[in-house]
């Protein structure tokens, strides 16, 4: 019985200690962007087409 109550208290204390990590307070002078800049992906390299006059793929 005593071991179970110690375990429950330890769990409650552990959960209470990490409660503020999920919702930190926002600093007063912070400015966060609403829209991020557009960064296009690099173009994919063109694939080599096999030569129709030979049997090889390259």
Protein backbone atom coordinates (compact mmCIF):
# COMPACT_ATOMS: atom_id res chain seq x y z
CA UNK A 1 0.00 0.00 0.00
CA UNK A 2 2.80 2.41 0.90
CA UNK A 3 4.71 1.60 -2.30
CA UNK A 4 1.65 2.29 -4.44
CA UNK A 5 1.06 5.72 -2.87
CA UNK A 6 4.72 6.66 -3.39
CA UNK A 7 4.43 5.62 -7.04
CA UNK A 8 1.27 7.68 -7.53
CA UNK A 9 2.84 10.75 -5.91
CA UNK A 10 5.95 10.37 -8.08
CA UNK A 11 3.80 10.17 -11.23
CA UNK A 12 1.78 13.24 -10.25
CA UNK A 13 4.92 15.25 -9.52
CA UNK A 14 6.52 14.18 -12.82
CA UNK A 15 3.44 15.16 -14.83
CA UNK A 16 3.06 18.48 -13.04
CA UNK A 17 6.70 19.40 -13.71
CA UNK A 18 6.39 19.11 -17.48
CA UNK A 19 3.06 20.90 -17.84
CA UNK A 20 4.46 24.30 -18.92
CA UNK A 21 6.62 22.94 -21.74
CA UNK A 22 3.65 22.57 -24.05
CA UNK A 23 2.55 26.23 -23.88
CA UNK A 24 5.48 28.62 -23.34
CA UNK A 25 4.74 32.30 -22.82
CA UNK A 26 5.30 34.55 -25.83
CA UNK A 27 7.91 37.31 -25.30
CA UNK A 28 6.53 40.86 -25.37
CA UNK A 29 8.82 42.14 -28.14
CA UNK A 30 8.65 39.06 -30.38
CA UNK A 31 7.41 39.35 -33.96
CA UNK A 32 6.61 36.08 -35.67
CA UNK A 33 6.07 35.84 -39.43
CA UNK A 34 2.55 35.08 -40.59
CA UNK A 35 3.67 33.97 -44.06
CA UNK A 36 6.91 32.25 -44.90
CA UNK A 37 8.83 33.17 -48.08
CA UNK A 38 8.28 31.01 -51.14
CA UNK A 39 11.30 28.79 -51.75
CA UNK A 40 10.86 26.70 -54.89
CA UNK A 41 12.40 23.27 -55.12
CA UNK A 42 15.37 22.88 -57.46
CA UNK A 43 14.57 21.61 -60.95
CA UNK A 44 14.99 17.90 -61.48
CA UNK A 45 17.78 16.91 -63.87
CA UNK A 46 16.62 15.65 -67.24
CA UNK A 47 16.81 11.90 -67.71
CA UNK A 48 18.94 10.52 -70.50
CA UNK A 49 16.90 9.04 -73.30
CA UNK A 50 18.16 5.81 -74.81
CA UNK A 51 19.48 5.93 -78.35
CA UNK A 52 16.97 4.13 -80.61
CA UNK A 53 19.71 3.04 -83.06
CA UNK A 54 21.52 0.90 -80.47
CA UNK A 55 20.40 -1.87 -78.14
CA UNK A 56 22.03 -0.33 -75.06
CA UNK A 57 20.09 1.80 -72.63
CA UNK A 58 22.76 4.54 -72.54
